[in-house]
Amino acid sequence: MTKQISFNLFEMNTVGHISHGLWVHPSNTRHRFNDLDFWIEEATLLEEGLFDAVFLADVIGAYDGCRGGPETALREGVQIPSNDPLLVIPAMAAVTKNLGFAATFSTTYEPPFAFARRASTLDHLTKGRFGWNIVTSYLPNAARNFGLADEIAHDDRYAIAEEYLDVLYKLWEGSWDDDAVVRDRNNRVYTDPTKVRYINHVGEHYRVAGPHLTEPSLQRTPTLFQAGSSARGKEFAARHAEGVFVGGTTLQSYRQNVADIRRLAEENGRGRDSIRTFASAVIVVDKDRESALAKAEEYKRLSSAEGYLAHAGGGGIDLAAYPKDALIADILAAENRPGRDNSPENRRYAPGVTVGDALEKLTNFDRSAFYAAGSPTDVADAIERWVAETDLDGFNVRQFLTPGTAEDFITYVIPELQRRGLYRTKYEESTLRERLFGAGNRRLPDTHPGARYRGGANLDGAPSIAGGATA
């Protein structure tokens, strides 16, 4: 195998992301996540390790489905307390020149105009290294936080996301020409108003006049990521995403899902090579196999079953409240909640899975299809096999300890992958999109749906600012 493999560090601006209970480990510094130095140190480390990006997850609600409230999540530190992922990016960008930043933001609850400016600002400040992980948010508590009685149905959230993206493309790609900012001191003209236009978007969910408030950034549209395992999610990803986080239970199922995404992208006129695919990797490595296995046992010993239960109950299902022989499918059917047929819980568990099965899977991280614990050679062998058998392009590395997980990966795994020609020895690209698709691919390709608004095309006759019209 000759293709180089991409690696992001899977992060969240919180004390406990997905390795629940390990905040108590004496070498873990997760309690410092409120400290800007924590993020500066991490960015510096990842740049030294030539990581593609730090990938920042996020939720906008509490996990309160376990035992009828958020008490377990609060006690165990399950993604609460947590902070805004976007706000740490400028500090991390200031101490790096190459590391990318992909952050999660939801299309369901906040209007697109404000996010368009926020994203463009981050793309400017990072010099084109910003990516957006598009989510529609599934936590019931998130819906209640934004004034709704319950979740918006799954497919309705995706319909909102489609229009959300349409508004953003119009702002990012169509509102300003590349040469709109002239900075003509002699004639006292900073921006040529004939090259900036309203978008005058009027749709089912949004009315946005424009113009975009931010001049074009290096990428214009940030690099787009998305995770969707449902049929609707795959369709959405095939139209919009450039990086897709693929789900599955076995290497064969991952390979099938990767093939499905590439096929759907081709059907959408984008080409099979227009999407890079990623999965979560669970890696424990040390100087030799014995040391790594001992480390993994320590992680298991400190892991919190209560924390994993709270996380699993985030979508409103309390596994602890049901007998271990109860079928997950029956529980979900009995709840009969909006969008439940396509919820993350229903997609996570295959037919016939019981509560006992689910609990065992939740609390055993070594059951992942992409789990490796061993020496540098052991882990590199596993990674090489994963890619060969699935056609994945890269992985989000799950953290057990900060900074220990990243330090171990950089110390032990990267040199072995470099020796095999599977990992870069230096950065060669300037923007995050170029990191995925090669130097020179700074902007959205012509085959992407966002490109149809370039130069003000397809804005339904929206005038330039000099024309004087408003929405």
Protein backbone atom coordinates (compact mmCIF):
# COMPACT_ATOMS: atom_id res chain seq x y z
CA MET A 1 0.00 0.00 0.00
CA THR A 2 1.38 3.40 -0.96
CA LYS A 3 -1.23 6.03 -0.14
CA GLN A 4 -0.49 8.20 2.86
CA ILE A 5 -2.96 7.98 5.73
CA SER A 6 -4.58 11.01 7.37
CA PHE A 7 -4.85 11.39 11.13
CA ASN A 8 -6.82 13.88 13.23
CA LEU A 9 -6.87 14.07 17.00
CA PHE A 10 -10.45 13.61 18.22
CA GLU A 11 -11.10 16.39 20.73
CA MET A 12 -13.84 18.27 22.53
CA ASN A 13 -13.74 21.41 24.63
CA THR A 14 -14.73 19.50 27.74
CA VAL A 15 -13.35 17.43 30.58
CA GLY A 16 -14.81 14.09 29.46
CA HIS A 17 -15.31 13.42 25.76
CA ILE A 18 -15.70 9.68 25.02
CA SER A 19 -13.18 7.92 27.32
CA HIS A 20 -15.39 8.21 30.36
CA GLY A 21 -13.86 8.01 33.81
CA LEU A 22 -10.27 8.59 32.72
CA TRP A 23 -10.25 12.20 33.89
CA VAL A 24 -9.20 10.72 37.25
CA HIS A 25 -5.96 9.29 35.83
CA PRO A 26 -3.04 11.13 37.49
CA SER A 27 -1.39 11.80 34.10
CA ASN A 28 -4.53 13.20 32.51
CA THR A 29 -4.72 16.99 32.18
CA ARG A 30 -8.33 17.20 30.97
CA HIS A 31 -9.25 19.32 33.99
CA ARG A 32 -7.23 22.14 32.34
CA PHE A 33 -9.57 22.45 29.35
CA ASN A 34 -10.67 25.92 30.54
CA ASP A 35 -7.06 27.09 30.35
CA LEU A 36 -5.92 28.56 27.02
CA ASP A 37 -2.44 27.13 27.60
CA PHE A 38 -3.96 23.64 27.44
CA TRP A 39 -5.01 24.24 23.83
CA ILE A 40 -1.81 26.04 22.88
CA GLU A 41 0.29 23.13 24.18
CA GLU A 42 -1.86 20.61 22.34
CA ALA A 43 -1.69 22.48 19.04
CA THR A 44 2.09 22.75 19.30
CA LEU A 45 2.38 19.03 19.99
CA LEU A 46 0.12 18.05 17.07
CA GLU A 47 2.01 20.29 14.66
CA GLU A 48 5.27 18.67 15.73
CA GLY A 49 3.63 15.31 15.04
CA LEU A 50 2.49 16.42 11.56
CA PHE A 51 -1.19 15.69 12.31
CA ASP A 52 -3.69 16.68 9.63
CA ALA A 53 -6.01 18.45 12.05
CA VAL A 54 -7.54 18.59 15.48
CA PHE A 55 -11.19 17.59 15.17
CA LEU A 56 -13.42 19.30 17.74
CA ALA A 57 -16.70 17.58 18.55
CA ASP A 58 -19.56 19.42 20.26
CA VAL A 59 -23.06 19.04 21.67
CA ILE A 60 -25.48 21.81 22.63
CA GLY A 61 -27.41 19.92 25.27
CA ALA A 62 -26.86 17.79 28.34
CA TYR A 63 -27.04 14.02 28.41
CA ASP A 64 -30.13 13.77 30.61
CA GLY A 65 -31.74 10.56 29.33
CA CYS A 66 -30.08 8.39 31.96
CA ARG A 67 -32.24 7.96 35.09
CA GLY A 68 -34.43 10.86 34.07
CA GLY A 69 -31.96 13.71 34.42
CA PRO A 70 -28.41 15.03 33.96
CA GLU A 71 -27.13 14.05 37.40
CA THR A 72 -25.07 11.09 36.19
CA ALA A 73 -23.54 13.08 33.35
CA LEU A 74 -22.67 15.93 35.72
CA ARG A 75 -21.16 13.66 38.34
CA GLU A 76 -19.14 11.69 35.78
CA GLY A 77 -18.11 14.70 33.64
CA VAL A 78 -19.77 13.32 30.49
CA GLN A 79 -19.37 16.21 28.04
CA ILE A 80 -20.40 18.65 30.76
CA PRO A 81 -19.03 21.12 31.69
CA SER A 82 -18.16 21.97 28.08
CA ASN A 83 -17.25 25.10 26.15
CA ASP A 84 -17.65 26.46 22.63
CA PRO A 85 -15.25 24.64 20.27
CA LEU A 86 -14.83 27.59 17.92
CA LEU A 87 -13.30 29.94 20.46
CA VAL A 88 -10.09 27.97 21.08
CA ILE A 89 -9.18 27.79 17.39
CA PRO A 90 -7.57 31.26 17.02
CA ALA A 91 -5.20 30.58 19.92
CA MET A 92 -4.21 27.23 18.44
CA ALA A 93 -3.77 28.77 15.01
CA ALA A 94 -1.51 31.48 16.43
CA VAL A 95 1.13 28.95 17.51
CA THR A 96 0.96 26.77 14.38
CA LYS A 97 1.37 27.24 10.63
CA ASN A 98 0.05 23.98 9.21
CA LEU A 99 -2.29 22.17 11.60
CA GLY A 100 -5.91 22.15 10.48
CA PHE A 101 -8.96 22.77 12.68
CA ALA A 102 -12.32 21.07 12.11
CA ALA A 103 -15.09 22.13 14.48
CA THR A 104 -18.65 20.95 14.95
CA PHE A 105 -21.57 23.34 14.55
CA SER A 106 -25.27 22.54 14.25
CA THR A 107 -27.58 23.68 11.44
CA THR A 108 -30.76 23.18 13.46
CA TYR A 109 -30.97 25.89 16.09
CA GLU A 110 -28.91 28.96 15.16
CA PRO A 111 -29.49 31.03 11.99
CA PRO A 112 -27.02 30.75 9.09
CA PHE A 113 -26.09 34.42 8.63
CA ALA A 114 -24.20 34.73 11.93
CA PHE A 115 -22.41 31.42 11.46
CA ALA A 116 -21.35 32.42 7.93
CA ARG A 117 -19.43 35.38 9.35
CA ARG A 118 -17.99 33.34 12.22
CA ALA A 119 -16.71 30.65 9.86
CA SER A 120 -15.23 33.16 7.41
CA THR A 121 -13.51 34.93 10.27
CA LEU A 122 -11.95 31.67 11.42
CA ASP A 123 -10.84 30.85 7.89
CA HIS A 124 -9.14 34.26 7.71
CA LEU A 125 -7.47 33.91 11.12
CA THR A 126 -6.23 30.39 10.38
CA LYS A 127 -5.12 31.29 6.82
CA GLY A 128 -7.42 28.74 5.28
CA ARG A 129 -7.06 25.95 7.82
CA PHE A 130 -10.65 25.88 9.08
CA GLY A 131 -13.13 23.07 8.52
CA TRP A 132 -16.74 22.68 9.59
CA ASN A 133 -18.27 19.42 10.79
CA ILE A 134 -21.94 19.73 9.81
CA VAL A 135 -24.37 18.24 12.33
CA THR A 136 -28.12 18.53 12.83
CA SER A 137 -28.09 17.77 16.61
CA TYR A 138 -30.02 14.89 18.13
CA LEU A 139 -30.09 15.49 21.90
CA PRO A 140 -33.62 16.14 23.24
CA ASN A 141 -32.15 18.56 25.77
CA ALA A 142 -30.65 20.60 22.90
CA ALA A 143 -34.13 21.11 21.45
CA ARG A 144 -35.47 22.26 24.81
CA ASN A 145 -32.55 24.66 25.20
CA PHE A 146 -33.65 26.45 22.04
CA GLY A 147 -37.34 26.74 22.89
CA LEU A 148 -38.73 23.52 21.43
CA ALA A 149 -40.73 20.88 23.29
CA ASP A 150 -38.82 18.02 21.70
CA GLU A 151 -36.49 17.05 18.88
CA ILE A 152 -37.31 18.04 15.33
CA ALA A 153 -37.86 14.85 13.33
CA HIS A 154 -34.71 13.41 11.81
CA ASP A 155 -35.52 13.97 8.12
CA ASP A 156 -36.94 17.43 8.86
CA ARG A 157 -33.60 18.38 10.43
CA TYR A 158 -31.87 17.40 7.20
CA ALA A 159 -34.36 19.44 5.16
CA ILE A 160 -33.47 22.46 7.30
CA ALA A 161 -29.78 21.67 6.82
CA GLU A 162 -30.17 21.63 3.03
CA GLU A 163 -31.54 25.17 3.03
CA TYR A 164 -28.99 26.23 5.66
CA LEU A 165 -26.17 25.13 3.35
CA ASP A 166 -27.81 26.87 0.40
CA VAL A 167 -27.81 30.18 2.30
CA LEU A 168 -24.19 29.71 3.34
CA TYR A 169 -23.04 28.93 -0.20
CA LYS A 170 -24.73 32.07 -1.46
CA LEU A 171 -22.96 34.15 1.20
CA TRP A 172 -19.55 32.47 0.99
CA GLU A 173 -19.34 31.92 -2.76
CA GLY A 174 -21.72 34.41 -4.38
CA SER A 175 -21.93 37.60 -2.35
CA TRP A 176 -18.40 38.93 -2.98
CA ASP A 177 -16.19 38.72 -6.05
CA ASP A 178 -12.57 37.72 -5.47
CA ASP A 179 -11.36 41.19 -6.46
CA ALA A 180 -14.04 43.19 -4.61
CA VAL A 181 -11.56 44.56 -2.06
CA VAL A 182 -9.32 47.01 -3.95
CA ARG A 183 -7.78 49.09 -1.11
CA ASP A 184 -7.35 52.07 -3.43
CA ARG A 185 -5.89 54.78 -1.21
CA ASN A 186 -5.66 57.36 -3.99
CA ASN A 187 -9.37 57.21 -4.76
CA ARG A 188 -10.38 56.41 -1.18
CA VAL A 189 -12.13 53.16 -2.15
CA TYR A 190 -11.64 50.14 0.06
CA THR A 191 -14.23 47.84 -1.52
CA ASP A 192 -15.72 48.19 -5.01
CA PRO A 193 -19.50 48.11 -4.33
CA THR A 194 -20.23 46.86 -7.86
CA LYS A 195 -18.51 43.60 -6.91
CA VAL A 196 -20.52 42.91 -3.76
CA ARG A 197 -24.15 41.80 -3.96
CA TYR A 198 -27.18 40.93 -1.92
CA ILE A 199 -28.22 37.29 -1.97
CA ASN A 200 -31.93 37.93 -1.31
CA HIS A 201 -32.58 34.38 -0.17
CA VAL A 202 -36.23 33.59 0.54
CA GLY A 203 -36.97 30.01 1.52
CA GLU A 204 -39.16 27.86 3.72
CA HIS A 205 -36.99 28.34 6.81
CA TYR A 206 -34.86 31.44 6.19
CA ARG A 207 -35.00 34.92 4.70
CA VAL A 208 -31.52 36.40 4.31
CA ALA A 209 -30.82 39.59 2.41
CA GLY A 210 -27.05 39.77 2.65
CA PRO A 211 -24.53 40.86 1.72
CA HIS A 212 -22.04 38.67 3.51
CA LEU A 213 -20.19 40.83 6.02
CA THR A 214 -16.78 39.22 5.51
CA GLU A 215 -14.58 39.50 2.45
CA PRO A 216 -13.58 36.21 0.78
CA SER A 217 -11.21 34.07 2.82
CA LEU A 218 -8.60 31.74 1.38
CA GLN A 219 -11.00 28.82 1.13
CA ARG A 220 -14.20 30.91 0.91
CA THR A 221 -16.26 27.89 1.97
CA PRO A 222 -14.50 26.07 4.85
CA THR A 223 -13.62 22.44 4.28
CA LEU A 224 -16.85 20.51 4.88
CA PHE A 225 -17.10 17.40 7.06
CA GLN A 226 -20.14 15.35 7.96
CA ALA A 227 -21.03 12.16 9.80
CA GLY A 228 -24.18 10.41 8.71
CA SER A 229 -24.99 6.69 8.79
CA SER A 230 -28.68 6.85 7.94
CA ALA A 231 -29.81 6.80 4.31
CA ARG A 232 -30.70 10.49 4.61
CA GLY A 233 -27.33 11.28 6.15
CA LYS A 234 -25.45 9.48 3.40
CA GLU A 235 -27.41 11.36 0.73
CA PHE A 236 -26.61 14.66 2.42
CA ALA A 237 -22.92 13.78 2.72
CA ALA A 238 -22.72 12.72 -0.92
CA ARG A 239 -23.99 16.15 -1.98
CA HIS A 240 -22.09 18.40 0.39
CA ALA A 241 -19.30 16.78 2.41
CA GLU A 242 -15.62 16.64 1.50
CA GLY A 243 -14.68 14.55 4.52
CA VAL A 244 -17.11 11.91 5.81
CA PHE A 245 -16.95 10.05 9.10
CA VAL A 246 -18.09 6.56 8.24
CA GLY A 247 -19.87 4.16 10.58
CA GLY A 248 -19.93 0.39 10.78
CA THR A 249 -19.41 -2.60 13.03
CA THR A 250 -16.95 -4.74 11.05
CA LEU A 251 -14.23 -4.03 8.52
CA GLN A 252 -16.53 -5.37 5.82
CA SER A 253 -19.38 -3.04 6.80
CA TYR A 254 -16.98 -0.09 6.80
CA ARG A 255 -15.79 -1.03 3.33
CA GLN A 256 -19.39 -1.21 2.11
CA ASN A 257 -20.23 2.18 3.64
CA VAL A 258 -17.13 3.76 2.10
CA ALA A 259 -18.11 2.32 -1.29
CA ASP A 260 -21.68 3.62 -0.83
CA ILE A 261 -20.46 7.14 -0.12
CA ARG A 262 -18.18 7.15 -3.15
CA ARG A 263 -20.96 5.77 -5.37
CA LEU A 264 -23.47 8.37 -4.14
CA ALA A 265 -20.94 11.16 -4.69
CA GLU A 266 -20.49 9.98 -8.25
CA GLU A 267 -24.26 9.88 -8.75
CA ASN A 268 -24.35 13.50 -7.59
CA GLY A 269 -21.88 14.45 -10.31
CA ARG A 270 -18.97 14.99 -7.96
CA GLY A 271 -16.72 12.04 -8.72
CA ARG A 272 -15.62 9.14 -6.53
CA ASP A 273 -12.45 10.95 -5.46
CA SER A 274 -14.29 14.07 -4.24
CA ILE A 275 -14.72 12.71 -0.69
CA ARG A 276 -12.20 11.56 1.90
CA THR A 277 -13.46 8.98 4.40
CA PHE A 278 -12.55 8.67 8.07
CA ALA A 279 -13.33 6.43 11.05
CA SER A 280 -12.55 6.55 14.75
CA ALA A 281 -9.42 4.63 15.80
CA VAL A 282 -8.80 3.31 19.30
CA ILE A 283 -5.04 2.95 19.70
CA VAL A 284 -2.98 2.07 22.76
CA VAL A 285 0.75 1.91 22.02
CA ASP A 286 3.99 1.70 23.95
CA LYS A 287 7.58 0.64 23.38
CA ASP A 288 6.56 -3.02 23.42
CA ARG A 289 3.42 -5.13 23.44
CA GLU A 290 3.53 -5.94 27.13
CA SER A 291 3.73 -2.28 28.15
CA ALA A 292 0.86 -1.35 25.82
CA LEU A 293 -1.39 -4.14 27.09
CA ALA A 294 -0.68 -3.12 30.67
CA LYS A 295 -1.62 0.44 29.77
CA ALA A 296 -4.86 -0.74 28.15
CA GLU A 297 -5.76 -2.72 31.28
CA GLU A 298 -5.21 0.40 33.38
CA TYR A 299 -7.57 2.35 31.12
CA LYS A 300 -10.21 -0.37 31.47
CA ARG A 301 -9.83 -0.36 35.24
CA LEU A 302 -10.40 3.41 35.44
CA SER A 303 -13.21 3.51 32.86
CA SER A 304 -16.62 4.43 34.25
CA ALA A 305 -19.63 2.28 33.36
CA GLU A 306 -21.81 5.03 34.80
CA GLY A 307 -20.26 7.54 32.42
CA TYR A 308 -20.89 5.33 29.41
CA LEU A 309 -24.47 4.78 30.55
CA ALA A 310 -25.04 8.52 30.75
CA HIS A 311 -23.57 8.99 27.28
CA ALA A 312 -25.71 6.19 25.83
CA GLY A 313 -28.79 7.77 27.39
CA GLY A 314 -28.16 11.11 25.72
CA GLY A 315 -30.74 10.46 23.06
CA GLY A 316 -33.40 9.72 25.65
CA ILE A 317 -32.88 5.98 26.23
CA ASP A 318 -31.92 4.92 29.76
CA LEU A 319 -30.33 1.50 29.41
CA ALA A 320 -30.04 1.14 33.17
CA ALA A 321 -33.82 1.32 33.50
CA TYR A 322 -34.48 -1.84 31.46
CA PRO A 323 -33.83 -5.58 31.98
CA LYS A 324 -30.66 -6.83 30.33
CA ASP A 325 -32.64 -9.20 28.09
CA ALA A 326 -34.89 -6.41 26.73
CA LEU A 327 -34.48 -5.72 23.01
CA ILE A 328 -33.27 -2.25 22.07
CA ALA A 329 -35.65 -2.22 19.09
CA ASP A 330 -38.64 -2.81 21.39
CA ILE A 331 -37.56 0.00 23.71
CA LEU A 332 -37.21 2.46 20.85
CA ALA A 333 -40.56 1.44 19.36
CA ALA A 334 -42.27 1.89 22.73
CA GLU A 335 -40.86 5.41 23.08
CA ASN A 336 -42.38 6.43 19.74
CA ARG A 337 -40.68 9.84 19.70
CA PRO A 338 -40.21 12.20 16.72
CA GLY A 339 -37.39 11.04 14.48
CA ARG A 340 -36.73 8.00 16.64
CA ASP A 341 -36.76 5.59 13.67
CA ASN A 342 -33.60 7.26 12.38
CA SER A 343 -32.04 8.20 15.70
CA PRO A 344 -28.38 7.53 16.46
CA GLU A 345 -29.52 4.84 18.95
CA ASN A 346 -31.57 2.98 16.37
CA ARG A 347 -28.74 3.10 13.83
CA ARG A 348 -26.17 2.07 16.45
CA TYR A 349 -27.80 -1.23 17.39
CA ALA A 350 -28.53 -4.04 14.95
CA PRO A 351 -31.83 -5.96 15.17
CA GLY A 352 -31.83 -8.45 18.02
CA VAL A 353 -29.41 -6.51 20.23
CA THR A 354 -30.37 -6.58 23.91
CA VAL A 355 -29.73 -4.08 26.68
CA GLY A 356 -27.09 -6.45 28.05
CA ASP A 357 -25.35 -6.57 24.66
CA ALA A 358 -25.42 -2.78 24.47
CA LEU A 359 -24.02 -2.30 27.95
CA GLU A 360 -21.13 -4.66 27.26
CA LYS A 361 -20.32 -2.90 24.00
CA LEU A 362 -20.51 0.56 25.54
CA THR A 363 -18.03 -0.15 28.30
CA ASN A 364 -15.48 -2.16 26.29
CA PHE A 365 -13.47 0.10 24.02
CA ASP A 366 -11.45 -2.88 22.76
CA ARG A 367 -14.47 -4.12 20.78
CA SER A 368 -14.05 -1.38 18.17
CA ALA A 369 -13.33 -2.55 14.62
CA PHE A 370 -10.34 -0.21 14.76
CA TYR A 371 -8.79 -1.19 18.08
CA ALA A 372 -5.09 -1.89 18.35
CA ALA A 373 -2.94 -2.27 21.45
CA GLY A 374 0.69 -3.20 21.14
CA SER A 375 4.13 -2.22 19.97
CA PRO A 376 4.75 0.35 17.22
CA THR A 377 5.00 -2.48 14.69
CA ASP A 378 1.79 -4.10 15.94
CA VAL A 379 -0.16 -0.87 15.65
CA ALA A 380 1.28 0.12 12.27
CA ASP A 381 0.45 -3.36 10.94
CA ALA A 382 -3.14 -2.96 12.15
CA ILE A 383 -3.54 0.50 10.63
CA GLU A 384 -2.15 -0.66 7.31
CA ARG A 385 -4.55 -3.61 7.31
CA TRP A 386 -7.53 -1.41 8.24
CA VAL A 387 -6.94 0.89 5.30
CA ALA A 388 -6.28 -1.97 2.87
CA GLU A 389 -9.48 -3.78 3.88
CA THR A 390 -11.83 -0.77 4.09
CA ASP A 391 -10.50 1.81 1.59
CA LEU A 392 -10.68 4.46 4.33
CA ASP A 393 -8.49 7.54 3.92
CA GLY A 394 -7.81 8.27 7.56
CA PHE A 395 -8.77 8.15 11.21
CA ASN A 396 -9.77 10.28 14.16
CA VAL A 397 -7.53 9.14 17.01
CA ARG A 398 -9.51 8.68 20.21
CA GLN A 399 -7.90 10.10 23.33
CA PHE A 400 -7.56 8.27 26.62
CA LEU A 401 -5.15 10.74 28.21
CA THR A 402 -4.19 14.29 27.33
CA PRO A 403 -1.48 14.76 26.23
CA GLY A 404 -0.41 11.12 26.67
CA THR A 405 -2.39 9.58 23.80
CA ALA A 406 -1.07 12.04 21.23
CA GLU A 407 2.45 11.84 22.64
CA ASP A 408 2.46 8.05 22.39
CA PHE A 409 1.13 8.13 18.83
CA ILE A 410 3.75 10.67 17.78
CA THR A 411 6.62 8.89 19.56
CA TYR A 412 5.87 5.32 18.54
CA VAL A 413 3.45 5.06 15.61
CA ILE A 414 4.33 7.94 13.30
CA PRO A 415 8.00 6.96 12.79
CA GLU A 416 6.95 3.41 11.86
CA LEU A 417 4.30 4.67 9.41
CA GLN A 418 6.84 7.08 7.92
CA ARG A 419 9.30 4.22 7.47
CA ARG A 420 6.63 2.44 5.43
CA GLY A 421 5.85 5.52 3.34
CA LEU A 422 2.34 5.80 4.83
CA TYR A 423 2.72 9.12 6.66
CA ARG A 424 4.06 12.51 5.65
CA THR A 425 7.55 13.61 6.69
CA LYS A 426 6.70 17.29 6.28
CA TYR A 427 3.72 19.49 5.53
CA GLU A 428 3.34 20.40 1.87
CA GLU A 429 -0.08 22.11 1.74
CA SER A 430 -1.22 25.48 2.99
CA THR A 431 -4.99 25.07 3.50
CA LEU A 432 -7.09 22.33 5.03
CA ARG A 433 -8.81 21.55 1.72
CA GLU A 434 -5.39 21.15 0.10
CA ARG A 435 -4.46 18.80 2.94
CA LEU A 436 -7.29 16.53 1.83
CA PHE A 437 -7.04 16.91 -1.94
CA GLY A 438 -3.55 18.16 -2.73
CA ALA A 439 -1.82 21.48 -3.35
CA GLY A 440 -3.77 23.81 -5.60
CA ASN A 441 -7.20 22.63 -4.42
CA ARG A 442 -7.87 25.64 -2.21
CA ARG A 443 -11.47 26.33 -3.24
CA LEU A 444 -14.53 24.14 -3.74
CA PRO A 445 -14.26 22.19 -7.01
CA ASP A 446 -16.60 23.13 -9.85
CA THR A 447 -18.56 19.91 -9.31
CA HIS A 448 -19.58 20.89 -5.76
CA PRO A 449 -23.10 22.38 -5.38
CA GLY A 450 -21.72 25.44 -3.58
CA ALA A 451 -19.75 26.42 -6.69
CA ARG A 452 -22.91 27.23 -8.63
CA TYR A 453 -23.13 30.65 -6.92
CA ARG A 454 -19.67 31.86 -7.90
CA GLY A 455 -19.58 35.34 -9.32
CA GLY A 456 -23.19 35.90 -8.27
CA ALA A 457 -24.57 33.24 -10.59
CA ASN A 458 -27.92 31.63 -9.72
CA LEU A 459 -28.83 34.26 -7.15
CA ASP A 460 -32.12 34.95 -8.92
CA GLY A 461 -31.07 38.36 -10.12
CA ALA A 462 -29.86 39.64 -6.75
CA PRO A 463 -28.27 43.04 -7.52
CA SER A 464 -24.90 44.37 -6.55
CA ILE A 465 -24.80 46.85 -3.69
CA ALA A 466 -24.26 49.61 -6.22
CA GLY A 467 -27.67 48.67 -7.69
CA GLY A 468 -29.32 49.85 -4.48
CA ALA A 469 -31.96 47.13 -4.11
CA THR A 470 -32.73 45.30 -0.88
CA ALA A 471 -34.43 42.06 0.00
